[in-house]
Amino acid sequence: MDMLESEGVFQYGNYRKEAEDLHSIVSYLYQEKYDVAAVVGHSKGGDVVVLYASLYDDVRMVVNLSGRFYLEKGIEERLGKEFLDRINKEGYIDVTNKSGNVLYTVTKESLMERLNTDMHATSLSISKECSFFTVHGSADEIIPVEDAYEFAKHIPTHKLCVVEGADHCYTRHRKELSDAVVGFITSKKARDTTLED
């Protein structure tokens, strides 16, 4: 397995499959005797690591960067008005850029998978042994910061860091983002090492 290459194609929805793919990678790393300190995901990847933590109990730390709690939101902005009628009629929706080039295709199945992924139930099923950290920008223009507060409300071992003024990609706040994530992981690792001695 070459961990540096992927033949994968972006799919809308598909959270469970991506969590399974992540589990394959983590399992491979453990098999190769690596210590997997944490799994980290941004945006959709943030939701994937939340789902991962609810399904698998093999990583002690999870970092969610700007993940969406309410997966039913943000769809109309990306797929357009009456997206349900269109996808029911056509079976798919092509998402294009401003030049009209197709970026990806949303199938009815992938849309329904997103709509049926319940982040509330997912959050409640995360083990109390898992240290959980969410970082979210206060000026996120894609996923509102309120979603981060929902994760904090429902995950028992949750720590929240809101980066003031940061947008969805932390364009002008990358140092604050990296400092927060590295600080969380290293402080937890140091604490765990001390407890094991």
C-alpha atoms as a PDB file:
ATOM      1  CA  MET A   1       0.000   0.000   0.000  1.00  0.00           C
ATOM      2  CA  ASP A   2       1.547   3.331  -1.047  1.00  0.00           C
ATOM      3  CA  MET A   3       0.354   5.896   1.472  1.00  0.00           C
ATOM      4  CA  LEU A   4       1.450   8.817  -0.729  1.00  0.00           C
ATOM      5  CA  GLU A   5      -0.795   8.084  -3.687  1.00  0.00           C
ATOM      6  CA  SER A   6      -4.537   7.966  -4.036  1.00  0.00           C
ATOM      7  CA  GLU A   7      -6.633   7.118  -7.032  1.00  0.00           C
ATOM      8  CA  GLY A   8      -9.726   8.301  -5.219  1.00  0.00           C
ATOM      9  CA  VAL A   9     -12.198  10.720  -6.725  1.00  0.00           C
ATOM     10  CA  PHE A  10     -14.025  13.306  -4.617  1.00  0.00           C
ATOM     11  CA  GLN A  11     -17.555  12.229  -3.808  1.00  0.00           C
ATOM     12  CA  TYR A  12     -20.214  14.343  -2.192  1.00  0.00           C
ATOM     13  CA  GLY A  13     -21.468  12.665   0.973  1.00  0.00           C
ATOM     14  CA  ASN A  14     -19.624   9.355   1.279  1.00  0.00           C
ATOM     15  CA  TYR A  15     -18.694   9.987   4.945  1.00  0.00           C
ATOM     16  CA  ARG A  16     -18.928   6.363   6.060  1.00  0.00           C
ATOM     17  CA  LYS A  17     -16.737   5.112   3.186  1.00  0.00           C
ATOM     18  CA  GLU A  18     -14.151   7.790   3.955  1.00  0.00           C
ATOM     19  CA  ALA A  19     -14.185   6.801   7.649  1.00  0.00           C
ATOM     20  CA  GLU A  20     -13.630   3.173   6.563  1.00  0.00           C
ATOM     21  CA  ASP A  21     -10.744   4.281   4.318  1.00  0.00           C
ATOM     22  CA  LEU A  22      -9.222   6.183   7.235  1.00  0.00           C
ATOM     23  CA  HIS A  23      -9.575   3.074   9.397  1.00  0.00           C
ATOM     24  CA  SER A  24      -7.665   1.065   6.778  1.00  0.00           C
ATOM     25  CA  ILE A  25      -4.846   3.616   6.896  1.00  0.00           C
ATOM     26  CA  VAL A  26      -4.736   3.724  10.704  1.00  0.00           C
ATOM     27  CA  SER A  27      -4.772  -0.091  10.865  1.00  0.00           C
ATOM     28  CA  TYR A  28      -1.936  -0.256   8.349  1.00  0.00           C
ATOM     29  CA  LEU A  29       0.131   2.245  10.361  1.00  0.00           C
ATOM     30  CA  TYR A  30      -0.408   0.259  13.568  1.00  0.00           C
ATOM     31  CA  GLN A  31       0.551  -2.943  11.726  1.00  0.00           C
ATOM     32  CA  GLU A  32       3.778  -1.221  10.634  1.00  0.00           C
ATOM     33  CA  LYS A  33       4.429  -0.303  14.303  1.00  0.00           C
ATOM     34  CA  TYR A  34       3.714   3.425  13.996  1.00  0.00           C
ATOM     35  CA  ASP A  35       2.158   5.310  16.900  1.00  0.00           C
ATOM     36  CA  VAL A  36      -0.933   7.098  15.621  1.00  0.00           C
ATOM     37  CA  ALA A  37      -1.218  10.052  17.983  1.00  0.00           C
ATOM     38  CA  ALA A  38      -4.337  11.555  16.405  1.00  0.00           C
ATOM     39  CA  VAL A  39      -6.540  11.764  13.349  1.00  0.00           C
ATOM     40  CA  VAL A  40      -7.158  15.255  11.997  1.00  0.00           C
ATOM     41  CA  GLY A  41      -9.686  16.385   9.397  1.00  0.00           C
ATOM     42  CA  HIS A  42     -10.744  19.723   7.909  1.00  0.00           C
ATOM     43  CA  SER A  43     -14.255  20.651   6.730  1.00  0.00           C
ATOM     44  CA  LYS A  44     -15.759  17.436   5.300  1.00  0.00           C
ATOM     45  CA  GLY A  45     -12.686  15.673   6.692  1.00  0.00           C
ATOM     46  CA  GLY A  46     -13.648  17.041  10.108  1.00  0.00           C
ATOM     47  CA  ASP A  47     -16.953  15.224   9.842  1.00  0.00           C
ATOM     48  CA  VAL A  48     -15.137  12.095   8.689  1.00  0.00           C
ATOM     49  CA  VAL A  49     -12.937  12.062  11.819  1.00  0.00           C
ATOM     50  CA  VAL A  50     -16.007  12.613  14.031  1.00  0.00           C
ATOM     51  CA  LEU A  51     -17.695   9.626  12.380  1.00  0.00           C
ATOM     52  CA  TYR A  52     -14.430   7.665  12.630  1.00  0.00           C
ATOM     53  CA  ALA A  53     -14.265   8.269  16.391  1.00  0.00           C
ATOM     54  CA  SER A  54     -17.842   7.033  16.780  1.00  0.00           C
ATOM     55  CA  LEU A  55     -17.172   3.816  14.826  1.00  0.00           C
ATOM     56  CA  TYR A  56     -13.644   2.860  15.881  1.00  0.00           C
ATOM     57  CA  ASP A  57     -11.966   2.993  19.262  1.00  0.00           C
ATOM     58  CA  ASP A  58      -8.339   2.818  18.131  1.00  0.00           C
ATOM     59  CA  VAL A  59      -7.145   6.441  18.266  1.00  0.00           C
ATOM     60  CA  ARG A  60      -6.979   8.428  21.501  1.00  0.00           C
ATOM     61  CA  MET A  61      -7.130  11.909  19.973  1.00  0.00           C
ATOM     62  CA  VAL A  62      -9.349  13.391  17.284  1.00  0.00           C
ATOM     63  CA  VAL A  63      -9.041  16.898  15.841  1.00  0.00           C
ATOM     64  CA  ASN A  64     -11.977  18.373  13.922  1.00  0.00           C
ATOM     65  CA  LEU A  65     -11.113  21.521  11.972  1.00  0.00           C
ATOM     66  CA  SER A  66     -14.204  23.443  10.863  1.00  0.00           C
ATOM     67  CA  GLY A  67     -16.464  20.408  10.539  1.00  0.00           C
ATOM     68  CA  ARG A  68     -20.206  20.764   9.920  1.00  0.00           C
ATOM     69  CA  PHE A  69     -22.590  19.588  12.645  1.00  0.00           C
ATOM     70  CA  TYR A  70     -25.797  20.162  10.684  1.00  0.00           C
ATOM     71  CA  LEU A  71     -25.151  18.223   7.469  1.00  0.00           C
ATOM     72  CA  GLU A  72     -28.542  19.159   6.055  1.00  0.00           C
ATOM     73  CA  LYS A  73     -27.323  22.776   5.830  1.00  0.00           C
ATOM     74  CA  GLY A  74     -25.035  24.222   3.169  1.00  0.00           C
ATOM     75  CA  ILE A  75     -26.460  22.024   0.423  1.00  0.00           C
ATOM     76  CA  GLU A  76     -28.590  24.603  -1.375  1.00  0.00           C
ATOM     77  CA  GLU A  77     -25.619  26.984  -1.573  1.00  0.00           C
ATOM     78  CA  ARG A  78     -23.614  24.310  -3.369  1.00  0.00           C
ATOM     79  CA  LEU A  79     -26.305  22.506  -5.407  1.00  0.00           C
ATOM     80  CA  GLY A  80     -28.788  25.299  -6.019  1.00  0.00           C
ATOM     81  CA  LYS A  81     -32.445  25.796  -5.220  1.00  0.00           C
ATOM     82  CA  GLU A  82     -34.797  22.846  -5.631  1.00  0.00           C
ATOM     83  CA  PHE A  83     -31.842  20.441  -5.538  1.00  0.00           C
ATOM     84  CA  LEU A  84     -34.072  17.610  -4.258  1.00  0.00           C
ATOM     85  CA  ASP A  85     -36.475  17.967  -7.189  1.00  0.00           C
ATOM     86  CA  ARG A  86     -33.568  18.079  -9.647  1.00  0.00           C
ATOM     87  CA  ILE A  87     -31.788  15.055  -8.208  1.00  0.00           C
ATOM     88  CA  ASN A  88     -35.042  13.064  -8.019  1.00  0.00           C
ATOM     89  CA  LYS A  89     -35.745  13.873 -11.664  1.00  0.00           C
ATOM     90  CA  GLU A  90     -32.231  13.469 -13.121  1.00  0.00           C
ATOM     91  CA  GLY A  91     -30.641  11.110 -10.573  1.00  0.00           C
ATOM     92  CA  TYR A  92     -27.587  13.355 -10.254  1.00  0.00           C
ATOM     93  CA  ILE A  93     -26.409  16.972 -10.238  1.00  0.00           C
ATOM     94  CA  ASP A  94     -23.160  18.145 -11.830  1.00  0.00           C
ATOM     95  CA  VAL A  95     -21.428  20.804  -9.742  1.00  0.00           C
ATOM     96  CA  THR A  96     -19.531  23.182 -12.012  1.00  0.00           C
ATOM     97  CA  ASN A  97     -17.089  26.035 -11.566  1.00  0.00           C
ATOM     98  CA  LYS A  98     -17.656  29.538 -12.981  1.00  0.00           C
ATOM     99  CA  SER A  99     -16.271  28.403 -16.341  1.00  0.00           C
ATOM    100  CA  GLY A 100     -18.829  25.603 -16.558  1.00  0.00           C
ATOM    101  CA  ASN A 101     -16.335  22.784 -16.006  1.00  0.00           C
ATOM    102  CA  VAL A 102     -17.699  19.891 -13.954  1.00  0.00           C
ATOM    103  CA  LEU A 103     -15.936  19.714 -10.585  1.00  0.00           C
ATOM    104  CA  TYR A 104     -17.812  16.662  -9.340  1.00  0.00           C
ATOM    105  CA  THR A 105     -21.117  14.864  -9.674  1.00  0.00           C
ATOM    106  CA  VAL A 106     -23.562  14.465  -6.806  1.00  0.00           C
ATOM    107  CA  THR A 107     -25.629  11.300  -7.030  1.00  0.00           C
ATOM    108  CA  LYS A 108     -28.944  10.792  -5.289  1.00  0.00           C
ATOM    109  CA  GLU A 109     -27.307   8.058  -3.194  1.00  0.00           C
ATOM    110  CA  SER A 110     -24.457  10.306  -2.020  1.00  0.00           C
ATOM    111  CA  LEU A 111     -26.841  13.166  -1.213  1.00  0.00           C
ATOM    112  CA  MET A 112     -29.105  10.850   0.788  1.00  0.00           C
ATOM    113  CA  GLU A 113     -26.073   9.466   2.645  1.00  0.00           C
ATOM    114  CA  ARG A 114     -25.160  13.007   3.704  1.00  0.00           C
ATOM    115  CA  LEU A 115     -28.723  13.839   4.719  1.00  0.00           C
ATOM    116  CA  ASN A 116     -28.986  10.611   6.735  1.00  0.00           C
ATOM    117  CA  THR A 117     -25.703  11.109   8.626  1.00  0.00           C
ATOM    118  CA  ASP A 118     -26.750  12.278  12.086  1.00  0.00           C
ATOM    119  CA  MET A 119     -23.874  14.159  13.710  1.00  0.00           C
ATOM    120  CA  HIS A 120     -25.817  14.480  16.980  1.00  0.00           C
ATOM    121  CA  ALA A 121     -26.102  10.699  17.414  1.00  0.00           C
ATOM    122  CA  THR A 122     -22.564  10.274  16.076  1.00  0.00           C
ATOM    123  CA  SER A 123     -21.187  12.745  18.636  1.00  0.00           C
ATOM    124  CA  LEU A 124     -22.977  11.032  21.512  1.00  0.00           C
ATOM    125  CA  SER A 125     -21.470   7.657  20.613  1.00  0.00           C
ATOM    126  CA  ILE A 126     -17.822   8.773  20.862  1.00  0.00           C
ATOM    127  CA  SER A 127     -15.950   7.016  23.670  1.00  0.00           C
ATOM    128  CA  LYS A 128     -15.185   8.976  26.827  1.00  0.00           C
ATOM    129  CA  GLU A 129     -11.596   7.690  26.431  1.00  0.00           C
ATOM    130  CA  CYS A 130     -11.179   9.744  23.243  1.00  0.00           C
ATOM    131  CA  SER A 131      -9.794  13.278  23.656  1.00  0.00           C
ATOM    132  CA  PHE A 132     -11.594  15.482  21.175  1.00  0.00           C
ATOM    133  CA  PHE A 133     -10.564  18.927  19.909  1.00  0.00           C
ATOM    134  CA  THR A 134     -12.449  21.225  17.560  1.00  0.00           C
ATOM    135  CA  VAL A 135     -10.939  24.344  16.017  1.00  0.00           C
ATOM    136  CA  HIS A 136     -13.233  26.697  14.122  1.00  0.00           C
ATOM    137  CA  GLY A 137     -12.860  30.206  12.737  1.00  0.00           C
ATOM    138  CA  SER A 138     -15.231  32.856  14.075  1.00  0.00           C
ATOM    139  CA  ALA A 139     -15.536  34.314  10.545  1.00  0.00           C
ATOM    140  CA  ASP A 140     -16.021  30.982   8.721  1.00  0.00           C
ATOM    141  CA  GLU A 141     -18.013  31.855   5.613  1.00  0.00           C
ATOM    142  CA  ILE A 142     -18.841  28.236   4.694  1.00  0.00           C
ATOM    143  CA  ILE A 143     -19.676  26.497   7.983  1.00  0.00           C
ATOM    144  CA  PRO A 144     -20.946  28.734  10.787  1.00  0.00           C
ATOM    145  CA  VAL A 145     -18.991  28.696  14.053  1.00  0.00           C
ATOM    146  CA  GLU A 146     -22.224  27.686  15.807  1.00  0.00           C
ATOM    147  CA  ASP A 147     -21.643  24.169  14.475  1.00  0.00           C
ATOM    148  CA  ALA A 148     -18.458  23.968  16.580  1.00  0.00           C
ATOM    149  CA  TYR A 149     -20.465  24.801  19.700  1.00  0.00           C
ATOM    150  CA  GLU A 150     -22.826  21.917  18.897  1.00  0.00           C
ATOM    151  CA  PHE A 151     -19.920  19.457  18.804  1.00  0.00           C
ATOM    152  CA  ALA A 152     -18.721  20.889  22.128  1.00  0.00           C
ATOM    153  CA  LYS A 153     -22.176  20.434  23.619  1.00  0.00           C
ATOM    154  CA  HIS A 154     -22.515  16.759  22.681  1.00  0.00           C
ATOM    155  CA  ILE A 155     -19.030  15.201  22.855  1.00  0.00           C
ATOM    156  CA  PRO A 156     -18.154  14.500  26.507  1.00  0.00           C
ATOM    157  CA  THR A 157     -14.369  14.928  26.244  1.00  0.00           C
ATOM    158  CA  HIS A 158     -14.505  17.944  23.955  1.00  0.00           C
ATOM    159  CA  LYS A 159     -12.216  20.974  23.971  1.00  0.00           C
ATOM    160  CA  LEU A 160     -13.090  23.909  21.696  1.00  0.00           C
ATOM    161  CA  CYS A 161     -10.827  26.593  20.247  1.00  0.00           C
ATOM    162  CA  VAL A 162     -12.453  29.421  18.276  1.00  0.00           C
ATOM    163  CA  VAL A 163      -9.896  31.371  16.248  1.00  0.00           C
ATOM    164  CA  GLU A 164     -11.087  34.981  16.175  1.00  0.00           C
ATOM    165  CA  GLY A 165     -11.410  36.377  12.654  1.00  0.00           C
ATOM    166  CA  ALA A 166     -10.423  33.146  10.910  1.00  0.00           C
ATOM    167  CA  ASP A 167     -12.221  32.121   7.726  1.00  0.00           C
ATOM    168  CA  HIS A 168     -12.932  28.540   6.645  1.00  0.00           C
ATOM    169  CA  CYS A 169      -9.405  27.959   5.310  1.00  0.00           C
ATOM    170  CA  TYR A 170      -7.647  29.954   8.060  1.00  0.00           C
ATOM    171  CA  THR A 171      -6.152  32.096   5.286  1.00  0.00           C
ATOM    172  CA  ARG A 172      -4.652  34.706   7.630  1.00  0.00           C
ATOM    173  CA  HIS A 173      -4.613  32.526  10.748  1.00  0.00           C
ATOM    174  CA  ARG A 174      -2.531  29.479   9.850  1.00  0.00           C
ATOM    175  CA  LYS A 175      -0.069  29.998  12.699  1.00  0.00           C
ATOM    176  CA  GLU A 176      -2.881  30.178  15.277  1.00  0.00           C
ATOM    177  CA  LEU A 177      -4.379  27.027  13.774  1.00  0.00           C
ATOM    178  CA  SER A 178      -1.134  25.054  13.795  1.00  0.00           C
ATOM    179  CA  ASP A 179      -0.205  26.290  17.285  1.00  0.00           C
ATOM    180  CA  ALA A 180      -3.596  25.197  18.641  1.00  0.00           C
ATOM    181  CA  VAL A 181      -3.489  21.732  17.040  1.00  0.00           C
ATOM    182  CA  VAL A 182       0.148  21.004  17.889  1.00  0.00           C
ATOM    183  CA  GLY A 183      -0.384  22.349  21.413  1.00  0.00           C
ATOM    184  CA  PHE A 184      -3.382  20.076  21.972  1.00  0.00           C
ATOM    185  CA  ILE A 185      -1.684  16.959  20.619  1.00  0.00           C
ATOM    186  CA  THR A 186       1.631  17.491  22.411  1.00  0.00           C
ATOM    187  CA  SER A 187       0.017  18.363  25.744  1.00  0.00           C
ATOM    188  CA  LYS A 188      -2.168  15.245  25.581  1.00  0.00           C
ATOM    189  CA  LYS A 189       0.787  13.069  24.523  1.00  0.00           C
ATOM    190  CA  ALA A 190       2.906  14.437  27.398  1.00  0.00           C
ATOM    191  CA  ARG A 191       0.094  13.797  29.876  1.00  0.00           C
ATOM    192  CA  ASP A 192      -0.412  10.238  28.580  1.00  0.00           C
ATOM    193  CA  THR A 193       3.340   9.507  28.792  1.00  0.00           C
ATOM    194  CA  THR A 194       3.438  10.776  32.378  1.00  0.00           C
ATOM    195  CA  LEU A 195       0.472   8.593  33.315  1.00  0.00           C
ATOM    196  CA  GLU A 196       2.132   5.495  31.820  1.00  0.00           C
ATOM    197  CA  ASP A 197       5.419   5.946  33.772  1.00  0.00           C
END
